[in-house]
Amino acid sequence: MGRANAGKTTILQRVCNTTEDPEIFDGNEIDAAIVQGSLTRGGHNIENELVFQSNPGFVFHDSCGFEAGSAEEFEKMRQFVVEHARTKILEKRVHAIWFCIPMTDYHRMVLTAERKFFNECDTGNVPVIVLLTKADTLKYTAIEQLLERGCTWEEAERKAMQEERDILDRLLESTENSLRICQFPPQSYITLTGMDKEAADCTSLMRSTASVLTNEGLQKLLISTQQTNMTLNIEYAVRSNNKGCVGADHCRQKGIAICHFTLVSI
């Protein structure tokens, strides 16, 4: 979830290790052209399920960028989140929510839309993780600020990495402070870089998401479903101390859901 052009669809592709568009279902398969990772505000329907053939174990729901949306659009999104977070129908339940804020908007990190979501959307036990996307674009901001402070181009390039880190730290702190006071604040924050590259590493995203899941069975389901990093599978298998099955089998034994892990990308 989040703003238009936050890179939501691209992140889903990287998690599933593919460059292909997802198959989209509203009960039946529909035209994938409605999902657009572009500047245009696509006609995403959050009710639709997005599934990538490279990893059908993940089921995604992708929202419109709603920062400029109508009250009706926001309410539809809110109702979906609340209902699917609390439903007793296991196959309809969502397990985690990624809320995307692009660092290309570093001068306006928290808008009315973000405050509205975190004040009005009670997700119950479903964790919300804020994804600060496109963080690598801050390199250019860092160079600009160094040049404005009188650095030569060579000096700015040499100091850019540290300046970029400092900018990112300030923005992260500011975002956390702004959302902490909301009625339903996020459980975690993570910074993402390089998601435009096919070989992007999603390990930190998977680890961060697993860490805020309160149910061990769901943690194992998430880690076993992801296929981009076998180290994580080994890590969580060791944590389980060989006490049971990992992933879907464990969840079935515990009465938790299922054969897929469901995520909402806002």
C-alpha atoms as a PDB file:
ATOM      1  CA  MET A   1       0.000   0.000   0.000  1.00  0.00           C
ATOM      2  CA  GLY A   2       1.051   3.609  -0.322  1.00  0.00           C
ATOM      3  CA  ARG A   3       1.645   6.216  -2.942  1.00  0.00           C
ATOM      4  CA  ALA A   4       1.606   5.830  -6.687  1.00  0.00           C
ATOM      5  CA  ASN A   5       5.055   5.119  -8.140  1.00  0.00           C
ATOM      6  CA  ALA A   6       6.352   3.747  -4.844  1.00  0.00           C
ATOM      7  CA  GLY A   7       7.693   0.665  -6.635  1.00  0.00           C
ATOM      8  CA  LYS A   8       5.167  -1.755  -5.153  1.00  0.00           C
ATOM      9  CA  THR A   9       4.811  -4.046  -8.171  1.00  0.00           C
ATOM     10  CA  THR A  10       8.570  -4.140  -8.719  1.00  0.00           C
ATOM     11  CA  ILE A  11       9.124  -5.251  -5.115  1.00  0.00           C
ATOM     12  CA  LEU A  12       6.629  -8.089  -5.555  1.00  0.00           C
ATOM     13  CA  GLN A  13       8.481  -9.197  -8.683  1.00  0.00           C
ATOM     14  CA  ARG A  14      11.811  -9.232  -6.847  1.00  0.00           C
ATOM     15  CA  VAL A  15      10.373 -11.199  -3.943  1.00  0.00           C
ATOM     16  CA  CYS A  16       9.168 -13.807  -6.430  1.00  0.00           C
ATOM     17  CA  ASN A  17      12.400 -13.640  -8.450  1.00  0.00           C
ATOM     18  CA  THR A  18      10.754 -12.753 -11.734  1.00  0.00           C
ATOM     19  CA  THR A  19      10.374  -9.972 -14.277  1.00  0.00           C
ATOM     20  CA  GLU A  20       7.053 -11.305 -15.510  1.00  0.00           C
ATOM     21  CA  ASP A  21       3.710  -9.688 -14.747  1.00  0.00           C
ATOM     22  CA  PRO A  22       1.494 -11.498 -12.259  1.00  0.00           C
ATOM     23  CA  GLU A  23      -1.637 -13.402 -13.041  1.00  0.00           C
ATOM     24  CA  ILE A  24      -4.590 -11.552 -11.540  1.00  0.00           C
ATOM     25  CA  PHE A  25      -7.732 -13.156 -10.212  1.00  0.00           C
ATOM     26  CA  ASP A  26     -11.087 -11.842  -9.094  1.00  0.00           C
ATOM     27  CA  GLY A  27     -12.425 -15.370  -8.883  1.00  0.00           C
ATOM     28  CA  ASN A  28     -11.424 -15.763 -12.526  1.00  0.00           C
ATOM     29  CA  GLU A  29      -8.212 -14.695 -14.232  1.00  0.00           C
ATOM     30  CA  ILE A  30      -8.323 -11.121 -15.581  1.00  0.00           C
ATOM     31  CA  ASP A  31      -6.103  -8.915 -17.743  1.00  0.00           C
ATOM     32  CA  ALA A  32      -2.718  -8.266 -16.082  1.00  0.00           C
ATOM     33  CA  ALA A  33      -2.436  -4.928 -17.902  1.00  0.00           C
ATOM     34  CA  ILE A  34      -4.300  -3.247 -15.064  1.00  0.00           C
ATOM     35  CA  VAL A  35      -1.162  -3.595 -12.918  1.00  0.00           C
ATOM     36  CA  GLN A  36       1.311  -0.907 -13.881  1.00  0.00           C
ATOM     37  CA  GLY A  37       4.546  -0.092 -12.073  1.00  0.00           C
ATOM     38  CA  SER A  38       4.701   3.332 -13.635  1.00  0.00           C
ATOM     39  CA  LEU A  39       3.987   6.973 -12.951  1.00  0.00           C
ATOM     40  CA  THR A  40       0.400   6.526 -13.990  1.00  0.00           C
ATOM     41  CA  ARG A  41      -2.079   5.698 -11.280  1.00  0.00           C
ATOM     42  CA  GLY A  42      -3.352   2.303 -12.388  1.00  0.00           C
ATOM     43  CA  GLY A  43      -6.768   0.776 -11.845  1.00  0.00           C
ATOM     44  CA  HIS A  44      -5.645  -1.643  -9.143  1.00  0.00           C
ATOM     45  CA  ASN A  45      -8.445  -3.307  -7.246  1.00  0.00           C
ATOM     46  CA  ILE A  46      -7.247  -4.366  -3.815  1.00  0.00           C
ATOM     47  CA  GLU A  47      -9.762  -7.234  -3.829  1.00  0.00           C
ATOM     48  CA  ASN A  48      -7.928  -8.902  -6.724  1.00  0.00           C
ATOM     49  CA  GLU A  49      -5.333 -11.581  -6.015  1.00  0.00           C
ATOM     50  CA  LEU A  50      -1.941 -11.275  -7.699  1.00  0.00           C
ATOM     51  CA  VAL A  51       0.030 -14.491  -8.183  1.00  0.00           C
ATOM     52  CA  PHE A  52       3.392 -14.910  -9.893  1.00  0.00           C
ATOM     53  CA  GLN A  53       3.931 -18.251 -11.588  1.00  0.00           C
ATOM     54  CA  SER A  54       7.542 -18.242 -10.392  1.00  0.00           C
ATOM     55  CA  ASN A  55       6.267 -18.522  -6.799  1.00  0.00           C
ATOM     56  CA  PRO A  56       2.547 -19.264  -6.471  1.00  0.00           C
ATOM     57  CA  GLY A  57       2.977 -19.726  -2.732  1.00  0.00           C
ATOM     58  CA  PHE A  58       2.628 -15.963  -2.321  1.00  0.00           C
ATOM     59  CA  VAL A  59      -0.729 -14.278  -2.847  1.00  0.00           C
ATOM     60  CA  PHE A  60      -0.578 -10.479  -3.051  1.00  0.00           C
ATOM     61  CA  HIS A  61      -3.178  -7.729  -2.937  1.00  0.00           C
ATOM     62  CA  ASP A  62      -1.977  -4.438  -4.410  1.00  0.00           C
ATOM     63  CA  SER A  63      -3.736  -1.132  -3.741  1.00  0.00           C
ATOM     64  CA  CYS A  64      -3.955   1.985  -5.848  1.00  0.00           C
ATOM     65  CA  GLY A  65      -1.668   4.805  -4.854  1.00  0.00           C
ATOM     66  CA  PHE A  66      -4.283   6.502  -2.710  1.00  0.00           C
ATOM     67  CA  GLU A  67      -2.614   9.731  -1.622  1.00  0.00           C
ATOM     68  CA  ALA A  68      -4.822  11.649  -4.036  1.00  0.00           C
ATOM     69  CA  GLY A  69      -7.721   9.230  -3.965  1.00  0.00           C
ATOM     70  CA  SER A  70     -11.288   9.826  -3.040  1.00  0.00           C
ATOM     71  CA  ALA A  71     -12.789   9.097   0.365  1.00  0.00           C
ATOM     72  CA  GLU A  72     -14.660   6.237  -1.301  1.00  0.00           C
ATOM     73  CA  GLU A  73     -11.414   4.638  -2.522  1.00  0.00           C
ATOM     74  CA  PHE A  74      -9.804   4.959   0.894  1.00  0.00           C
ATOM     75  CA  GLU A  75     -12.822   3.462   2.637  1.00  0.00           C
ATOM     76  CA  LYS A  76     -12.835   0.508   0.243  1.00  0.00           C
ATOM     77  CA  MET A  77      -9.176  -0.128   1.040  1.00  0.00           C
ATOM     78  CA  ARG A  78      -9.755   0.278   4.787  1.00  0.00           C
ATOM     79  CA  GLN A  79     -12.676  -2.146   4.794  1.00  0.00           C
ATOM     80  CA  PHE A  80     -10.659  -4.733   2.875  1.00  0.00           C
ATOM     81  CA  VAL A  81      -7.739  -4.492   5.296  1.00  0.00           C
ATOM     82  CA  VAL A  82      -9.868  -4.643   8.435  1.00  0.00           C
ATOM     83  CA  GLU A  83     -12.132  -7.457   7.205  1.00  0.00           C
ATOM     84  CA  HIS A  84      -9.336  -9.637   5.830  1.00  0.00           C
ATOM     85  CA  ALA A  85      -7.182  -9.103   8.909  1.00  0.00           C
ATOM     86  CA  ARG A  86      -9.945 -10.429  11.162  1.00  0.00           C
ATOM     87  CA  THR A  87     -11.786 -12.965   9.014  1.00  0.00           C
ATOM     88  CA  LYS A  88     -12.198 -16.496  10.359  1.00  0.00           C
ATOM     89  CA  ILE A  89     -12.093 -17.851   6.804  1.00  0.00           C
ATOM     90  CA  LEU A  90      -8.456 -18.930   6.714  1.00  0.00           C
ATOM     91  CA  GLU A  91      -7.928 -18.745   2.959  1.00  0.00           C
ATOM     92  CA  LYS A  92      -9.193 -15.140   2.961  1.00  0.00           C
ATOM     93  CA  ARG A  93      -6.974 -13.926   5.779  1.00  0.00           C
ATOM     94  CA  VAL A  94      -4.039 -11.610   5.127  1.00  0.00           C
ATOM     95  CA  HIS A  95      -0.854 -12.282   7.073  1.00  0.00           C
ATOM     96  CA  ALA A  96       1.189  -9.089   6.682  1.00  0.00           C
ATOM     97  CA  ILE A  97       0.955  -5.610   5.147  1.00  0.00           C
ATOM     98  CA  TRP A  98       3.725  -3.685   3.403  1.00  0.00           C
ATOM     99  CA  PHE A  99       3.130   0.075   3.381  1.00  0.00           C
ATOM    100  CA  CYS A 100       5.409   1.723   0.800  1.00  0.00           C
ATOM    101  CA  ILE A 101       6.772   5.267   1.017  1.00  0.00           C
ATOM    102  CA  PRO A 102       9.167   6.273  -1.794  1.00  0.00           C
ATOM    103  CA  MET A 103      12.307   8.159  -0.833  1.00  0.00           C
ATOM    104  CA  THR A 104      11.938  10.148  -4.046  1.00  0.00           C
ATOM    105  CA  ASP A 105       9.412  12.091  -1.933  1.00  0.00           C
ATOM    106  CA  TYR A 106      11.954  12.698   0.831  1.00  0.00           C
ATOM    107  CA  HIS A 107      10.775  16.283   1.286  1.00  0.00           C
ATOM    108  CA  ARG A 108       7.269  15.050   2.232  1.00  0.00           C
ATOM    109  CA  MET A 109       7.680  11.672   3.879  1.00  0.00           C
ATOM    110  CA  VAL A 110       4.450  11.571   5.893  1.00  0.00           C
ATOM    111  CA  LEU A 111       1.348  13.029   4.281  1.00  0.00           C
ATOM    112  CA  THR A 112      -2.294  13.175   5.281  1.00  0.00           C
ATOM    113  CA  ALA A 113      -2.853   9.804   3.577  1.00  0.00           C
ATOM    114  CA  GLU A 114      -0.291   8.070   5.790  1.00  0.00           C
ATOM    115  CA  ARG A 115      -1.680   9.624   8.961  1.00  0.00           C
ATOM    116  CA  LYS A 116      -5.209   8.691   7.928  1.00  0.00           C
ATOM    117  CA  PHE A 117      -4.235   5.075   7.331  1.00  0.00           C
ATOM    118  CA  PHE A 118      -2.362   4.647  10.606  1.00  0.00           C
ATOM    119  CA  ASN A 119      -5.079   6.407  12.596  1.00  0.00           C
ATOM    120  CA  GLU A 120      -8.090   4.665  11.060  1.00  0.00           C
ATOM    121  CA  CYS A 121      -7.004   1.202   9.881  1.00  0.00           C
ATOM    122  CA  ASP A 122      -6.999  -1.236  12.769  1.00  0.00           C
ATOM    123  CA  THR A 123      -5.230  -4.302  11.380  1.00  0.00           C
ATOM    124  CA  GLY A 124      -5.533  -6.282  14.601  1.00  0.00           C
ATOM    125  CA  ASN A 125      -2.786  -8.894  14.833  1.00  0.00           C
ATOM    126  CA  VAL A 126      -1.688  -8.393  11.233  1.00  0.00           C
ATOM    127  CA  PRO A 127       1.610  -6.468  11.288  1.00  0.00           C
ATOM    128  CA  VAL A 128       2.238  -3.433   9.095  1.00  0.00           C
ATOM    129  CA  ILE A 129       5.806  -2.903   7.904  1.00  0.00           C
ATOM    130  CA  VAL A 130       6.740   0.457   6.388  1.00  0.00           C
ATOM    131  CA  LEU A 131       8.961   0.033   3.348  1.00  0.00           C
ATOM    132  CA  LEU A 132      11.045   3.102   2.533  1.00  0.00           C
ATOM    133  CA  THR A 133      11.563   2.401  -1.158  1.00  0.00           C
ATOM    134  CA  LYS A 134      13.966   3.808  -3.746  1.00  0.00           C
ATOM    135  CA  ALA A 135      16.422   4.824  -1.038  1.00  0.00           C
ATOM    136  CA  ASP A 136      19.291   4.713  -3.521  1.00  0.00           C
ATOM    137  CA  THR A 137      17.936   7.885  -5.162  1.00  0.00           C
ATOM    138  CA  LEU A 138      19.187   9.797  -2.111  1.00  0.00           C
ATOM    139  CA  LYS A 139      22.710   9.644  -3.557  1.00  0.00           C
ATOM    140  CA  TYR A 140      21.843  12.500  -5.900  1.00  0.00           C
ATOM    141  CA  THR A 141      20.279  14.454  -3.048  1.00  0.00           C
ATOM    142  CA  ALA A 142      23.443  13.946  -1.005  1.00  0.00           C
ATOM    143  CA  ILE A 143      25.670  15.257  -3.797  1.00  0.00           C
ATOM    144  CA  GLU A 144      23.408  18.270  -4.332  1.00  0.00           C
ATOM    145  CA  GLN A 145      23.512  19.180  -0.648  1.00  0.00           C
ATOM    146  CA  LEU A 146      27.299  18.809  -0.485  1.00  0.00           C
ATOM    147  CA  LEU A 147      27.731  21.022  -3.544  1.00  0.00           C
ATOM    148  CA  GLU A 148      25.430  23.611  -1.976  1.00  0.00           C
ATOM    149  CA  ARG A 149      27.660  23.608   1.102  1.00  0.00           C
ATOM    150  CA  GLY A 150      30.666  24.522  -1.028  1.00  0.00           C
ATOM    151  CA  CYS A 151      32.230  21.139  -1.766  1.00  0.00           C
ATOM    152  CA  THR A 152      33.914  20.590  -5.108  1.00  0.00           C
ATOM    153  CA  TRP A 153      32.488  17.885  -7.333  1.00  0.00           C
ATOM    154  CA  GLU A 154      35.332  15.532  -6.375  1.00  0.00           C
ATOM    155  CA  GLU A 155      34.781  16.185  -2.669  1.00  0.00           C
ATOM    156  CA  ALA A 156      31.029  15.703  -3.041  1.00  0.00           C
ATOM    157  CA  GLU A 157      31.489  12.332  -4.734  1.00  0.00           C
ATOM    158  CA  ARG A 158      33.934  11.222  -2.023  1.00  0.00           C
ATOM    159  CA  LYS A 159      31.637  12.268   0.824  1.00  0.00           C
ATOM    160  CA  ALA A 160      28.357  11.271  -0.822  1.00  0.00           C
ATOM    161  CA  MET A 161      28.030   7.824   0.755  1.00  0.00           C
ATOM    162  CA  GLN A 162      28.253   9.107   4.328  1.00  0.00           C
ATOM    163  CA  GLU A 163      26.016  12.070   3.537  1.00  0.00           C
ATOM    164  CA  GLU A 164      23.464   9.695   2.031  1.00  0.00           C
ATOM    165  CA  ARG A 165      23.502   7.593   5.210  1.00  0.00           C
ATOM    166  CA  ASP A 166      23.049  10.707   7.345  1.00  0.00           C
ATOM    167  CA  ILE A 167      20.087  11.888   5.248  1.00  0.00           C
ATOM    168  CA  LEU A 168      18.503   8.434   5.414  1.00  0.00           C
ATOM    169  CA  ASP A 169      18.931   8.265   9.198  1.00  0.00           C
ATOM    170  CA  ARG A 170      17.253  11.662   9.619  1.00  0.00           C
ATOM    171  CA  LEU A 171      14.371  10.741   7.329  1.00  0.00           C
ATOM    172  CA  LEU A 172      13.828   7.402   9.053  1.00  0.00           C
ATOM    173  CA  GLU A 173      13.810   9.051  12.476  1.00  0.00           C
ATOM    174  CA  SER A 174      11.405  11.726  11.272  1.00  0.00           C
ATOM    175  CA  THR A 175       9.053   9.139   9.758  1.00  0.00           C
ATOM    176  CA  GLU A 176       9.091   7.003  12.899  1.00  0.00           C
ATOM    177  CA  ASN A 177       8.383  10.028  15.087  1.00  0.00           C
ATOM    178  CA  SER A 178       5.473  11.109  12.890  1.00  0.00           C
ATOM    179  CA  LEU A 179       3.817   7.680  12.786  1.00  0.00           C
ATOM    180  CA  ARG A 180       4.569   6.629  16.364  1.00  0.00           C
ATOM    181  CA  ILE A 181       1.879   8.952  17.678  1.00  0.00           C
ATOM    182  CA  CYS A 182      -0.820   7.480  15.418  1.00  0.00           C
ATOM    183  CA  GLN A 183      -3.485   5.223  16.897  1.00  0.00           C
ATOM    184  CA  PHE A 184      -2.309   2.138  14.958  1.00  0.00           C
ATOM    185  CA  PRO A 185       1.421   2.701  14.260  1.00  0.00           C
ATOM    186  CA  PRO A 186       3.490   0.320  12.116  1.00  0.00           C
ATOM    187  CA  GLN A 187       5.394  -2.512  13.765  1.00  0.00           C
ATOM    188  CA  SER A 188       8.573  -2.145  11.759  1.00  0.00           C
ATOM    189  CA  TYR A 189      10.479  -0.076   9.199  1.00  0.00           C
ATOM    190  CA  ILE A 190      12.895  -1.188   6.511  1.00  0.00           C
ATOM    191  CA  THR A 191      14.852   0.663   3.837  1.00  0.00           C
ATOM    192  CA  LEU A 192      15.023  -0.856   0.360  1.00  0.00           C
ATOM    193  CA  THR A 193      17.575  -0.116  -2.341  1.00  0.00           C
ATOM    194  CA  GLY A 194      18.258  -1.512  -5.777  1.00  0.00           C
ATOM    195  CA  MET A 195      14.837  -3.069  -6.272  1.00  0.00           C
ATOM    196  CA  ASP A 196      14.984  -2.003  -9.923  1.00  0.00           C
ATOM    197  CA  LYS A 197      17.748  -4.583 -10.449  1.00  0.00           C
ATOM    198  CA  GLU A 198      16.810  -8.181 -11.259  1.00  0.00           C
ATOM    199  CA  ALA A 199      19.352  -9.533  -8.770  1.00  0.00           C
ATOM    200  CA  ALA A 200      18.053  -7.386  -5.894  1.00  0.00           C
ATOM    201  CA  ASP A 201      18.465  -8.981  -2.455  1.00  0.00           C
ATOM    202  CA  CYS A 202      15.173  -9.357  -0.555  1.00  0.00           C
ATOM    203  CA  THR A 203      16.705 -11.056   2.488  1.00  0.00           C
ATOM    204  CA  SER A 204      16.312  -8.065   4.791  1.00  0.00           C
ATOM    205  CA  LEU A 205      12.685  -7.622   3.723  1.00  0.00           C
ATOM    206  CA  MET A 206      11.849 -11.274   4.400  1.00  0.00           C
ATOM    207  CA  ARG A 207      13.695 -11.269   7.731  1.00  0.00           C
ATOM    208  CA  SER A 208      12.028  -8.029   8.843  1.00  0.00           C
ATOM    209  CA  THR A 209       8.583  -9.321   7.892  1.00  0.00           C
ATOM    210  CA  ALA A 210       9.121 -12.642   9.658  1.00  0.00           C
ATOM    211  CA  SER A 211      10.360 -10.904  12.808  1.00  0.00           C
ATOM    212  CA  VAL A 212       7.046  -9.077  13.362  1.00  0.00           C
ATOM    213  CA  LEU A 213       4.826 -12.109  12.783  1.00  0.00           C
ATOM    214  CA  THR A 214       3.589 -13.179  16.195  1.00  0.00           C
ATOM    215  CA  ASN A 215       2.863 -16.760  15.184  1.00  0.00           C
ATOM    216  CA  GLU A 216       5.791 -19.142  14.738  1.00  0.00           C
ATOM    217  CA  GLY A 217       3.857 -21.172  12.193  1.00  0.00           C
ATOM    218  CA  LEU A 218       3.364 -18.110   9.998  1.00  0.00           C
ATOM    219  CA  GLN A 219       7.043 -17.222  10.312  1.00  0.00           C
ATOM    220  CA  LYS A 220       7.955 -20.655   9.025  1.00  0.00           C
ATOM    221  CA  LEU A 221       5.360 -20.456   6.275  1.00  0.00           C
ATOM    222  CA  LEU A 222       6.748 -17.127   5.069  1.00  0.00           C
ATOM    223  CA  ILE A 223      10.364 -18.274   5.122  1.00  0.00           C
ATOM    224  CA  SER A 224       9.636 -21.577   3.423  1.00  0.00           C
ATOM    225  CA  THR A 225       7.545 -19.821   0.760  1.00  0.00           C
ATOM    226  CA  GLN A 226      10.264 -17.339  -0.193  1.00  0.00           C
ATOM    227  CA  GLN A 227      12.709 -18.894  -2.642  1.00  0.00           C
ATOM    228  CA  THR A 228      15.281 -16.129  -3.058  1.00  0.00           C
ATOM    229  CA  ASN A 229      17.530 -16.965  -0.086  1.00  0.00           C
ATOM    230  CA  MET A 230      18.132 -20.491   1.160  1.00  0.00           C
ATOM    231  CA  THR A 231      20.176 -19.139   4.087  1.00  0.00           C
ATOM    232  CA  LEU A 232      16.941 -17.878   5.653  1.00  0.00           C
ATOM    233  CA  ASN A 233      15.355 -21.304   5.327  1.00  0.00           C
ATOM    234  CA  ILE A 234      18.333 -22.860   7.111  1.00  0.00           C
ATOM    235  CA  GLU A 235      18.348 -20.126   9.764  1.00  0.00           C
ATOM    236  CA  TYR A 236      14.688 -20.644  10.674  1.00  0.00           C
ATOM    237  CA  ALA A 237      15.009 -24.417  10.477  1.00  0.00           C
ATOM    238  CA  VAL A 238      17.793 -24.248  13.055  1.00  0.00           C
ATOM    239  CA  ARG A 239      15.672 -21.962  15.248  1.00  0.00           C
ATOM    240  CA  SER A 240      12.906 -24.529  15.274  1.00  0.00           C
ATOM    241  CA  ASN A 241      15.340 -26.993  16.902  1.00  0.00           C
ATOM    242  CA  ASN A 242      13.903 -29.781  14.809  1.00  0.00           C
ATOM    243  CA  LYS A 243      10.642 -29.621  16.754  1.00  0.00           C
ATOM    244  CA  GLY A 244       8.381 -29.986  13.779  1.00  0.00           C
ATOM    245  CA  CYS A 245       7.706 -29.418  10.128  1.00  0.00           C
ATOM    246  CA  VAL A 246       8.535 -26.138   8.481  1.00  0.00           C
ATOM    247  CA  GLY A 247       6.048 -24.136   6.461  1.00  0.00           C
ATOM    248  CA  ALA A 248       2.700 -25.264   5.178  1.00  0.00           C
ATOM    249  CA  ASP A 249       2.729 -28.684   6.874  1.00  0.00           C
ATOM    250  CA  HIS A 250       3.420 -27.070  10.240  1.00  0.00           C
ATOM    251  CA  CYS A 251       0.616 -24.582   9.703  1.00  0.00           C
ATOM    252  CA  ARG A 252      -1.865 -27.281   8.814  1.00  0.00           C
ATOM    253  CA  GLN A 253      -0.954 -29.141  11.985  1.00  0.00           C
ATOM    254  CA  LYS A 254      -1.516 -25.972  14.016  1.00  0.00           C
ATOM    255  CA  GLY A 255      -4.810 -25.151  12.295  1.00  0.00           C
ATOM    256  CA  ILE A 256      -3.414 -22.035  10.665  1.00  0.00           C
ATOM    257  CA  ALA A 257      -3.899 -21.763   7.052  1.00  0.00           C
ATOM    258  CA  ILE A 258      -2.942 -23.336   4.320  1.00  0.00           C
ATOM    259  CA  CYS A 259      -0.772 -23.500   1.341  1.00  0.00           C
ATOM    260  CA  HIS A 260       0.033 -19.853   0.676  1.00  0.00           C
ATOM    261  CA  PHE A 261       1.188 -16.702   2.426  1.00  0.00           C
ATOM    262  CA  THR A 262      -0.953 -13.631   1.769  1.00  0.00           C
ATOM    263  CA  LEU A 263       0.495 -10.113   1.729  1.00  0.00           C
ATOM    264  CA  VAL A 264      -1.085  -6.725   1.107  1.00  0.00           C
ATOM    265  CA  SER A 265       1.153  -4.187  -0.611  1.00  0.00           C
ATOM    266  CA  ILE A 266      -0.184  -0.682   0.047  1.00  0.00           C
END
